[in-house]
Amino acid sequence: MTPQPAQLEALLAIADHGSFEAAARALHVTASAVSQRIRALESIAGQVLVSRTSPCRPTPAGAAYVRLGRQTRLLYDEARLEVDAADHVLTLPVAVNADSLATWFRDVLSAAAGWDGVALRLRVEDQAYSAGLLRSGDALAAVTSEPTPVQGCAVEPVGVLRYGAAAAPAFVDRWRRGRGMDWERMPVLVFNEKDTLQHDVLAARGVTPRTVHRVPTSTDFHEAARRGLGWCMVPEPQLLPDLEVGRLVRLPGRDHVDVPLFWQRWRLDSSALARLTEAVHAAARAHLR
């Protein structure tokens, strides 16, 4: 038997909203109707597809059907948009890391501003983890540092995002020791628990920092460095303008980290995905190494 669109939509609603009741409200049906659709879909699959926990989550087998559901929805929405553009909006869920979103990926937003009937749904996730959103079906494309394609996806290199170790001039003066820096004692900034760039630089020096500030938004992270809260690895598109006007200075040693970035997208014959991919490559050519 073939899964029916209504069954897949019920699974997507549970994945998006976390419970049968919330899924029912989103679909404007009863919770009993959602439960019946999920049981029918599980009968077709021969496996449990939804973990009945709080919140409900797709099982590993369910994640495959979530991907199928999102792919099916995308193709249906593209067909509806082609027939009646005035009444339909196509949603593109995309995963992108915070530093890319704050820098080169903004050109993609500018391009998307001219697309009628298309809504971007961005998920901010570290480039080392964003491929997981493709596997779970929560994103149909992602900026990632993973060069190996997720099953069902195509992968293309887009360029290298270089980070430089930098801090405010007064901060550097305070923690300078001769020709170097007091790497162990001077405060360091991290974005969140997944951000290892700064610790990788310190580990190469055999140092464990004493004071670590966590600032979990890209704009405020950058501003915290400007205001002298700590040193950090700053993306080159943000760093170079600040170096020119003296808001930031490089730390002695010219430490830098190059992060290769890739664009992974579902293998679908989708004009919307193709247009999004073209915008990503154009933005990357303009800003990345």
C-alpha atoms as a PDB file:
ATOM      1  CA  MET A   1       0.000   0.000   0.000  1.00  0.00           C
ATOM      2  CA  THR A   2       1.070   3.576  -0.692  1.00  0.00           C
ATOM      3  CA  PRO A   3       1.006   6.250   2.040  1.00  0.00           C
ATOM      4  CA  GLN A   4      -1.760   8.778   1.508  1.00  0.00           C
ATOM      5  CA  PRO A   5      -1.085  12.551   1.605  1.00  0.00           C
ATOM      6  CA  ALA A   6      -3.419  12.994   4.607  1.00  0.00           C
ATOM      7  CA  GLN A   7      -1.468  10.353   6.544  1.00  0.00           C
ATOM      8  CA  LEU A   8       1.850  12.023   5.773  1.00  0.00           C
ATOM      9  CA  GLU A   9       0.435  15.436   6.716  1.00  0.00           C
ATOM     10  CA  ALA A  10      -0.637  14.017  10.074  1.00  0.00           C
ATOM     11  CA  LEU A  11       2.895  12.756  10.690  1.00  0.00           C
ATOM     12  CA  LEU A  12       4.371  16.123   9.690  1.00  0.00           C
ATOM     13  CA  ALA A  13       1.979  17.941  12.013  1.00  0.00           C
ATOM     14  CA  ILE A  14       3.053  15.737  14.938  1.00  0.00           C
ATOM     15  CA  ALA A  15       6.733  16.286  14.096  1.00  0.00           C
ATOM     16  CA  ASP A  16       6.172  20.042  13.933  1.00  0.00           C
ATOM     17  CA  HIS A  17       3.881  20.479  16.955  1.00  0.00           C
ATOM     18  CA  GLY A  18       4.870  17.664  19.331  1.00  0.00           C
ATOM     19  CA  SER A  19       1.519  16.040  20.155  1.00  0.00           C
ATOM     20  CA  PHE A  20      -1.536  14.457  18.572  1.00  0.00           C
ATOM     21  CA  GLU A  21      -3.757  17.184  20.016  1.00  0.00           C
ATOM     22  CA  ALA A  22      -1.628  20.041  18.669  1.00  0.00           C
ATOM     23  CA  ALA A  23      -1.398  18.293  15.298  1.00  0.00           C
ATOM     24  CA  ALA A  24      -5.193  17.990  15.217  1.00  0.00           C
ATOM     25  CA  ARG A  25      -5.575  21.721  15.884  1.00  0.00           C
ATOM     26  CA  ALA A  26      -3.104  22.555  13.107  1.00  0.00           C
ATOM     27  CA  LEU A  27      -4.951  20.292  10.648  1.00  0.00           C
ATOM     28  CA  HIS A  28      -8.440  21.344  11.837  1.00  0.00           C
ATOM     29  CA  VAL A  29      -9.474  17.762  12.538  1.00  0.00           C
ATOM     30  CA  THR A  30     -10.002  15.725  15.707  1.00  0.00           C
ATOM     31  CA  ALA A  31      -7.194  14.047  17.635  1.00  0.00           C
ATOM     32  CA  SER A  32      -8.932  10.751  16.918  1.00  0.00           C
ATOM     33  CA  ALA A  33      -8.641  11.409  13.173  1.00  0.00           C
ATOM     34  CA  VAL A  34      -4.907  12.118  13.537  1.00  0.00           C
ATOM     35  CA  SER A  35      -4.471   8.918  15.561  1.00  0.00           C
ATOM     36  CA  GLN A  36      -6.295   6.864  12.917  1.00  0.00           C
ATOM     37  CA  ARG A  37      -4.113   8.284  10.144  1.00  0.00           C
ATOM     38  CA  ILE A  38      -0.931   7.529  12.057  1.00  0.00           C
ATOM     39  CA  ARG A  39      -2.052   3.964  12.828  1.00  0.00           C
ATOM     40  CA  ALA A  40      -2.854   3.440   9.150  1.00  0.00           C
ATOM     41  CA  LEU A  41       0.548   4.801   8.141  1.00  0.00           C
ATOM     42  CA  GLU A  42       2.292   2.581  10.699  1.00  0.00           C
ATOM     43  CA  SER A  43       0.366  -0.398   9.327  1.00  0.00           C
ATOM     44  CA  ILE A  44       1.689   0.412   5.847  1.00  0.00           C
ATOM     45  CA  ALA A  45       5.247   0.823   7.166  1.00  0.00           C
ATOM     46  CA  GLY A  46       5.058  -2.201   9.437  1.00  0.00           C
ATOM     47  CA  GLN A  47       6.810  -0.207  12.156  1.00  0.00           C
ATOM     48  CA  VAL A  48       6.097   2.316  14.880  1.00  0.00           C
ATOM     49  CA  LEU A  49       6.648   5.755  13.356  1.00  0.00           C
ATOM     50  CA  VAL A  50       5.830   8.014  16.323  1.00  0.00           C
ATOM     51  CA  SER A  51       7.253   7.758  19.821  1.00  0.00           C
ATOM     52  CA  ARG A  52       4.287   8.446  22.122  1.00  0.00           C
ATOM     53  CA  THR A  53       6.307  10.517  24.566  1.00  0.00           C
ATOM     54  CA  SER A  54       5.962  14.111  25.696  1.00  0.00           C
ATOM     55  CA  PRO A  55       6.620  15.677  23.292  1.00  0.00           C
ATOM     56  CA  CYS A  56       5.906  13.107  20.585  1.00  0.00           C
ATOM     57  CA  ARG A  57       8.800  12.513  18.224  1.00  0.00           C
ATOM     58  CA  PRO A  58       9.207  10.509  15.001  1.00  0.00           C
ATOM     59  CA  THR A  59      11.146   7.272  15.440  1.00  0.00           C
ATOM     60  CA  PRO A  60      14.131   6.649  13.131  1.00  0.00           C
ATOM     61  CA  ALA A  61      11.735   4.898  10.736  1.00  0.00           C
ATOM     62  CA  GLY A  62       9.314   7.784  11.160  1.00  0.00           C
ATOM     63  CA  ALA A  63      12.016  10.260  10.147  1.00  0.00           C
ATOM     64  CA  ALA A  64      12.165   8.598   6.713  1.00  0.00           C
ATOM     65  CA  TYR A  65       8.424   9.145   6.319  1.00  0.00           C
ATOM     66  CA  VAL A  66       8.776  12.739   7.535  1.00  0.00           C
ATOM     67  CA  ARG A  67      11.265  13.317   4.713  1.00  0.00           C
ATOM     68  CA  LEU A  68       8.845  11.714   2.266  1.00  0.00           C
ATOM     69  CA  GLY A  69       6.038  13.905   3.590  1.00  0.00           C
ATOM     70  CA  ARG A  70       8.028  17.121   3.214  1.00  0.00           C
ATOM     71  CA  GLN A  71       9.156  16.144  -0.272  1.00  0.00           C
ATOM     72  CA  THR A  72       5.578  15.334  -1.257  1.00  0.00           C
ATOM     73  CA  ARG A  73       4.339  18.617   0.197  1.00  0.00           C
ATOM     74  CA  LEU A  74       6.992  20.580  -1.693  1.00  0.00           C
ATOM     75  CA  LEU A  75       6.060  19.017  -5.039  1.00  0.00           C
ATOM     76  CA  TYR A  76       2.319  19.474  -4.415  1.00  0.00           C
ATOM     77  CA  ASP A  77       2.875  23.096  -3.390  1.00  0.00           C
ATOM     78  CA  GLU A  78       4.944  23.795  -6.496  1.00  0.00           C
ATOM     79  CA  ALA A  79       2.158  22.381  -8.679  1.00  0.00           C
ATOM     80  CA  ARG A  80      -0.482  24.463  -6.870  1.00  0.00           C
ATOM     81  CA  LEU A  81       1.679  27.575  -7.124  1.00  0.00           C
ATOM     82  CA  GLU A  82       2.090  27.053 -10.863  1.00  0.00           C
ATOM     83  CA  VAL A  83      -1.675  26.687 -11.333  1.00  0.00           C
ATOM     84  CA  ASP A  84      -2.814  29.450  -8.979  1.00  0.00           C
ATOM     85  CA  ALA A  85       0.005  31.654  -7.698  1.00  0.00           C
ATOM     86  CA  ALA A  86      -2.367  34.068  -5.971  1.00  0.00           C
ATOM     87  CA  ASP A  87      -3.698  31.553  -3.423  1.00  0.00           C
ATOM     88  CA  HIS A  88      -0.701  29.408  -2.561  1.00  0.00           C
ATOM     89  CA  VAL A  89       2.627  29.848  -0.757  1.00  0.00           C
ATOM     90  CA  LEU A  90       5.476  27.363  -0.991  1.00  0.00           C
ATOM     91  CA  THR A  91       7.556  26.923   2.196  1.00  0.00           C
ATOM     92  CA  LEU A  92      11.260  26.129   2.014  1.00  0.00           C
ATOM     93  CA  PRO A  93      12.721  24.921   5.351  1.00  0.00           C
ATOM     94  CA  VAL A  94      16.475  25.575   5.332  1.00  0.00           C
ATOM     95  CA  ALA A  95      19.177  25.021   7.955  1.00  0.00           C
ATOM     96  CA  VAL A  96      21.991  27.569   8.151  1.00  0.00           C
ATOM     97  CA  ASN A  97      24.660  28.287  10.759  1.00  0.00           C
ATOM     98  CA  ALA A  98      24.468  31.585  12.641  1.00  0.00           C
ATOM     99  CA  ASP A  99      27.736  33.004  11.275  1.00  0.00           C
ATOM    100  CA  SER A 100      26.680  32.391   7.685  1.00  0.00           C
ATOM    101  CA  LEU A 101      23.268  33.933   8.337  1.00  0.00           C
ATOM    102  CA  ALA A 102      24.931  37.020   9.811  1.00  0.00           C
ATOM    103  CA  THR A 103      27.297  37.417   6.851  1.00  0.00           C
ATOM    104  CA  TRP A 104      27.274  35.956   3.329  1.00  0.00           C
ATOM    105  CA  PHE A 105      23.853  34.229   3.494  1.00  0.00           C
ATOM    106  CA  ARG A 106      22.176  37.632   3.726  1.00  0.00           C
ATOM    107  CA  ASP A 107      22.573  37.914  -0.041  1.00  0.00           C
ATOM    108  CA  VAL A 108      20.321  34.844  -0.307  1.00  0.00           C
ATOM    109  CA  LEU A 109      17.677  36.698   1.714  1.00  0.00           C
ATOM    110  CA  SER A 110      17.956  39.639  -0.681  1.00  0.00           C
ATOM    111  CA  ALA A 111      17.409  37.325  -3.625  1.00  0.00           C
ATOM    112  CA  ALA A 112      14.448  35.602  -1.928  1.00  0.00           C
ATOM    113  CA  ALA A 113      12.831  38.984  -1.314  1.00  0.00           C
ATOM    114  CA  GLY A 114      11.938  39.036  -4.996  1.00  0.00           C
ATOM    115  CA  TRP A 115      10.324  35.575  -5.096  1.00  0.00           C
ATOM    116  CA  ASP A 116       6.539  35.661  -5.069  1.00  0.00           C
ATOM    117  CA  GLY A 117       4.694  32.817  -3.363  1.00  0.00           C
ATOM    118  CA  VAL A 118       7.769  31.482  -1.519  1.00  0.00           C
ATOM    119  CA  ALA A 119       8.370  31.586   2.248  1.00  0.00           C
ATOM    120  CA  LEU A 120      11.755  30.734   3.751  1.00  0.00           C
ATOM    121  CA  ARG A 121      11.697  28.910   7.076  1.00  0.00           C
ATOM    122  CA  LEU A 122      15.223  29.177   8.456  1.00  0.00           C
ATOM    123  CA  ARG A 123      16.560  26.927  11.203  1.00  0.00           C
ATOM    124  CA  VAL A 124      19.758  28.184  12.831  1.00  0.00           C
ATOM    125  CA  GLU A 125      22.107  25.295  13.586  1.00  0.00           C
ATOM    126  CA  ASP A 126      25.871  24.876  13.847  1.00  0.00           C
ATOM    127  CA  GLN A 127      27.406  23.814  10.526  1.00  0.00           C
ATOM    128  CA  ALA A 128      28.700  20.605  12.136  1.00  0.00           C
ATOM    129  CA  TYR A 129      25.172  19.581  13.143  1.00  0.00           C
ATOM    130  CA  SER A 130      22.890  20.957  10.410  1.00  0.00           C
ATOM    131  CA  ALA A 131      23.071  17.751   8.355  1.00  0.00           C
ATOM    132  CA  GLY A 132      21.036  16.129  11.127  1.00  0.00           C
ATOM    133  CA  LEU A 133      18.077  18.325  10.167  1.00  0.00           C
ATOM    134  CA  LEU A 134      18.248  16.856   6.659  1.00  0.00           C
ATOM    135  CA  ARG A 135      18.224  13.332   8.078  1.00  0.00           C
ATOM    136  CA  SER A 136      15.223  14.069  10.285  1.00  0.00           C
ATOM    137  CA  GLY A 137      13.306  15.730   7.463  1.00  0.00           C
ATOM    138  CA  ASP A 138      13.211  19.085   9.270  1.00  0.00           C
ATOM    139  CA  ALA A 139      15.110  20.819   6.459  1.00  0.00           C
ATOM    140  CA  LEU A 140      15.157  20.304   2.722  1.00  0.00           C
ATOM    141  CA  ALA A 141      18.511  22.041   2.310  1.00  0.00           C
ATOM    142  CA  ALA A 142      21.342  23.037   4.631  1.00  0.00           C
ATOM    143  CA  VAL A 143      24.614  24.908   4.874  1.00  0.00           C
ATOM    144  CA  THR A 144      26.855  22.324   6.512  1.00  0.00           C
ATOM    145  CA  SER A 145      30.482  21.373   7.099  1.00  0.00           C
ATOM    146  CA  GLU A 146      29.606  17.744   6.268  1.00  0.00           C
ATOM    147  CA  PRO A 147      31.014  16.797   2.824  1.00  0.00           C
ATOM    148  CA  THR A 148      29.376  13.357   2.771  1.00  0.00           C
ATOM    149  CA  PRO A 149      25.857  13.564   1.325  1.00  0.00           C
ATOM    150  CA  VAL A 150      22.961  12.600   3.556  1.00  0.00           C
ATOM    151  CA  GLN A 151      20.971   9.757   1.989  1.00  0.00           C
ATOM    152  CA  GLY A 152      18.728  11.200  -0.707  1.00  0.00           C
ATOM    153  CA  CYS A 153      20.683  14.469  -0.897  1.00  0.00           C
ATOM    154  CA  ALA A 154      23.176  16.065  -3.271  1.00  0.00           C
ATOM    155  CA  VAL A 155      26.163  17.940  -1.845  1.00  0.00           C
ATOM    156  CA  GLU A 156      28.141  20.785  -3.407  1.00  0.00           C
ATOM    157  CA  PRO A 157      31.072  22.804  -1.973  1.00  0.00           C
ATOM    158  CA  VAL A 158      30.338  26.522  -1.678  1.00  0.00           C
ATOM    159  CA  GLY A 159      33.588  27.867  -0.234  1.00  0.00           C
ATOM    160  CA  VAL A 160      35.591  28.456   2.924  1.00  0.00           C
ATOM    161  CA  LEU A 161      34.583  30.767   5.768  1.00  0.00           C
ATOM    162  CA  ARG A 162      37.761  32.012   7.459  1.00  0.00           C
ATOM    163  CA  TYR A 163      37.762  33.030  11.136  1.00  0.00           C
ATOM    164  CA  GLY A 164      40.427  35.200  12.719  1.00  0.00           C
ATOM    165  CA  ALA A 165      41.341  35.505  16.400  1.00  0.00           C
ATOM    166  CA  ALA A 166      40.557  39.086  17.392  1.00  0.00           C
ATOM    167  CA  ALA A 167      39.545  41.393  20.226  1.00  0.00           C
ATOM    168  CA  ALA A 168      39.006  45.055  21.027  1.00  0.00           C
ATOM    169  CA  PRO A 169      42.205  47.163  21.114  1.00  0.00           C
ATOM    170  CA  ALA A 170      41.873  47.976  24.836  1.00  0.00           C
ATOM    171  CA  PHE A 171      41.329  44.271  25.600  1.00  0.00           C
ATOM    172  CA  VAL A 172      44.528  43.345  23.744  1.00  0.00           C
ATOM    173  CA  ASP A 173      46.509  46.020  25.590  1.00  0.00           C
ATOM    174  CA  ARG A 174      45.203  44.744  28.927  1.00  0.00           C
ATOM    175  CA  TRP A 175      46.141  41.109  28.353  1.00  0.00           C
ATOM    176  CA  ARG A 176      49.317  41.523  26.328  1.00  0.00           C
ATOM    177  CA  ARG A 177      52.377  39.868  27.848  1.00  0.00           C
ATOM    178  CA  GLY A 178      55.505  40.906  25.948  1.00  0.00           C
ATOM    179  CA  ARG A 179      55.044  39.874  22.338  1.00  0.00           C
ATOM    180  CA  GLY A 180      52.247  37.442  23.162  1.00  0.00           C
ATOM    181  CA  MET A 181      49.014  37.220  25.118  1.00  0.00           C
ATOM    182  CA  ASP A 182      48.005  35.701  28.437  1.00  0.00           C
ATOM    183  CA  TRP A 183      45.925  33.036  26.681  1.00  0.00           C
ATOM    184  CA  GLU A 184      45.024  31.180  29.869  1.00  0.00           C
ATOM    185  CA  ARG A 185      43.763  34.122  31.916  1.00  0.00           C
ATOM    186  CA  MET A 186      42.193  36.423  29.333  1.00  0.00           C
ATOM    187  CA  PRO A 187      38.430  35.910  28.922  1.00  0.00           C
ATOM    188  CA  VAL A 188      37.137  34.119  25.841  1.00  0.00           C
ATOM    189  CA  LEU A 189      33.767  34.324  24.099  1.00  0.00           C
ATOM    190  CA  VAL A 190      31.844  31.285  22.827  1.00  0.00           C
ATOM    191  CA  PHE A 191      28.558  31.234  20.947  1.00  0.00           C
ATOM    192  CA  ASN A 192      27.059  28.145  22.606  1.00  0.00           C
ATOM    193  CA  GLU A 193      28.014  24.660  23.798  1.00  0.00           C
ATOM    194  CA  LYS A 194      28.534  23.518  20.179  1.00  0.00           C
ATOM    195  CA  ASP A 195      31.008  26.298  19.398  1.00  0.00           C
ATOM    196  CA  THR A 196      34.490  24.784  19.660  1.00  0.00           C
ATOM    197  CA  LEU A 197      36.463  27.211  17.479  1.00  0.00           C
ATOM    198  CA  GLN A 198      38.006  29.146  20.363  1.00  0.00           C
ATOM    199  CA  HIS A 199      38.751  26.052  22.425  1.00  0.00           C
ATOM    200  CA  ASP A 200      40.408  24.410  19.417  1.00  0.00           C
ATOM    201  CA  VAL A 201      42.797  27.371  19.123  1.00  0.00           C
ATOM    202  CA  LEU A 202      43.545  27.220  22.838  1.00  0.00           C
ATOM    203  CA  ALA A 203      44.015  23.444  22.796  1.00  0.00           C
ATOM    204  CA  ALA A 204      46.650  23.848  20.072  1.00  0.00           C
ATOM    205  CA  ARG A 205      48.480  26.089  22.540  1.00  0.00           C
ATOM    206  CA  GLY A 206      48.010  23.617  25.394  1.00  0.00           C
ATOM    207  CA  VAL A 207      45.803  26.077  27.282  1.00  0.00           C
ATOM    208  CA  THR A 208      42.486  25.751  29.135  1.00  0.00           C
ATOM    209  CA  PRO A 209      40.714  29.111  29.601  1.00  0.00           C
ATOM    210  CA  ARG A 210      39.684  30.295  33.046  1.00  0.00           C
ATOM    211  CA  THR A 211      36.885  32.685  32.057  1.00  0.00           C
ATOM    212  CA  VAL A 212      34.417  31.775  29.311  1.00  0.00           C
ATOM    213  CA  HIS A 213      31.531  34.086  28.363  1.00  0.00           C
ATOM    214  CA  ARG A 214      28.635  32.598  26.391  1.00  0.00           C
ATOM    215  CA  VAL A 215      26.754  34.953  24.035  1.00  0.00           C
ATOM    216  CA  PRO A 216      24.262  32.921  21.955  1.00  0.00           C
ATOM    217  CA  THR A 217      23.306  35.333  19.155  1.00  0.00           C
ATOM    218  CA  SER A 218      25.637  36.170  16.293  1.00  0.00           C
ATOM    219  CA  THR A 219      25.094  39.943  16.333  1.00  0.00           C
ATOM    220  CA  ASP A 220      25.536  40.207  20.109  1.00  0.00           C
ATOM    221  CA  PHE A 221      28.520  37.844  20.026  1.00  0.00           C
ATOM    222  CA  HIS A 222      30.223  40.181  17.568  1.00  0.00           C
ATOM    223  CA  GLU A 223      29.247  43.226  19.625  1.00  0.00           C
ATOM    224  CA  ALA A 224      30.540  41.609  22.835  1.00  0.00           C
ATOM    225  CA  ALA A 225      33.968  41.289  21.202  1.00  0.00           C
ATOM    226  CA  ARG A 226      33.850  44.918  20.096  1.00  0.00           C
ATOM    227  CA  ARG A 227      33.036  45.996  23.651  1.00  0.00           C
ATOM    228  CA  GLY A 228      35.957  44.105  25.123  1.00  0.00           C
ATOM    229  CA  LEU A 229      34.132  41.313  26.942  1.00  0.00           C
ATOM    230  CA  GLY A 230      36.516  38.722  25.537  1.00  0.00           C
ATOM    231  CA  TRP A 231      38.425  37.520  22.498  1.00  0.00           C
ATOM    232  CA  CYS A 232      36.946  35.176  19.896  1.00  0.00           C
ATOM    233  CA  MET A 233      37.178  33.817  16.382  1.00  0.00           C
ATOM    234  CA  VAL A 234      35.422  36.348  14.150  1.00  0.00           C
ATOM    235  CA  PRO A 235      34.149  35.491  10.632  1.00  0.00           C
ATOM    236  CA  GLU A 236      36.208  37.333   8.033  1.00  0.00           C
ATOM    237  CA  PRO A 237      33.231  39.212   6.500  1.00  0.00           C
ATOM    238  CA  GLN A 238      32.656  40.780   9.947  1.00  0.00           C
ATOM    239  CA  LEU A 239      36.326  41.031  10.917  1.00  0.00           C
ATOM    240  CA  LEU A 240      37.817  42.866   7.930  1.00  0.00           C
ATOM    241  CA  PRO A 241      35.610  45.990   8.175  1.00  0.00           C
ATOM    242  CA  ASP A 242      36.311  46.210  11.915  1.00  0.00           C
ATOM    243  CA  LEU A 243      40.055  45.907  11.354  1.00  0.00           C
ATOM    244  CA  GLU A 244      39.939  48.797   8.881  1.00  0.00           C
ATOM    245  CA  VAL A 245      38.337  51.194  11.385  1.00  0.00           C
ATOM    246  CA  GLY A 246      40.160  49.871  14.465  1.00  0.00           C
ATOM    247  CA  ARG A 247      37.186  48.398  16.319  1.00  0.00           C
ATOM    248  CA  LEU A 248      38.977  45.044  16.492  1.00  0.00           C
ATOM    249  CA  VAL A 249      42.598  43.989  16.155  1.00  0.00           C
ATOM    250  CA  ARG A 250      44.084  40.599  15.421  1.00  0.00           C
ATOM    251  CA  LEU A 251      45.682  38.761  18.304  1.00  0.00           C
ATOM    252  CA  PRO A 252      49.438  38.109  18.066  1.00  0.00           C
ATOM    253  CA  GLY A 253      50.210  34.885  16.272  1.00  0.00           C
ATOM    254  CA  ARG A 254      47.708  35.420  13.453  1.00  0.00           C
ATOM    255  CA  ASP A 255      45.625  32.449  14.532  1.00  0.00           C
ATOM    256  CA  HIS A 256      42.910  31.628  12.030  1.00  0.00           C
ATOM    257  CA  VAL A 257      40.584  28.731  11.287  1.00  0.00           C
ATOM    258  CA  ASP A 258      39.204  27.855   7.859  1.00  0.00           C
ATOM    259  CA  VAL A 259      35.812  26.136   7.847  1.00  0.00           C
ATOM    260  CA  PRO A 260      34.868  24.537   4.488  1.00  0.00           C
ATOM    261  CA  LEU A 261      31.136  24.876   3.857  1.00  0.00           C
ATOM    262  CA  PHE A 262      28.886  22.706   1.716  1.00  0.00           C
ATOM    263  CA  TRP A 263      25.351  23.009   0.421  1.00  0.00           C
ATOM    264  CA  GLN A 264      23.285  19.863   0.812  1.00  0.00           C
ATOM    265  CA  ARG A 265      19.812  19.627  -0.708  1.00  0.00           C
ATOM    266  CA  TRP A 266      17.265  16.951  -1.397  1.00  0.00           C
ATOM    267  CA  ARG A 267      17.472  15.281  -4.796  1.00  0.00           C
ATOM    268  CA  LEU A 268      14.162  16.592  -6.130  1.00  0.00           C
ATOM    269  CA  ASP A 269      13.191  18.032  -9.497  1.00  0.00           C
ATOM    270  CA  SER A 270      12.123  21.274  -7.834  1.00  0.00           C
ATOM    271  CA  SER A 271      12.384  24.675  -9.482  1.00  0.00           C
ATOM    272  CA  ALA A 272      12.200  26.376  -6.070  1.00  0.00           C
ATOM    273  CA  LEU A 273      15.118  24.333  -4.743  1.00  0.00           C
ATOM    274  CA  ALA A 274      17.094  24.999  -7.920  1.00  0.00           C
ATOM    275  CA  ARG A 275      16.515  28.753  -7.617  1.00  0.00           C
ATOM    276  CA  LEU A 276      17.508  28.691  -3.952  1.00  0.00           C
ATOM    277  CA  THR A 277      20.673  26.754  -4.819  1.00  0.00           C
ATOM    278  CA  GLU A 278      21.607  29.327  -7.478  1.00  0.00           C
ATOM    279  CA  ALA A 279      21.192  32.132  -4.928  1.00  0.00           C
ATOM    280  CA  VAL A 280      23.374  30.282  -2.403  1.00  0.00           C
ATOM    281  CA  HIS A 281      26.197  29.799  -4.909  1.00  0.00           C
ATOM    282  CA  ALA A 282      26.023  33.445  -6.037  1.00  0.00           C
ATOM    283  CA  ALA A 283      26.253  34.658  -2.429  1.00  0.00           C
ATOM    284  CA  ALA A 284      29.103  32.273  -1.653  1.00  0.00           C
ATOM    285  CA  ARG A 285      31.086  33.393  -4.719  1.00  0.00           C
ATOM    286  CA  ALA A 286      30.759  37.005  -3.576  1.00  0.00           C
ATOM    287  CA  HIS A 287      31.865  36.514   0.033  1.00  0.00           C
ATOM    288  CA  LEU A 288      33.608  33.198   0.746  1.00  0.00           C
ATOM    289  CA  ARG A 289      37.158  32.131  -0.008  1.00  0.00           C
END
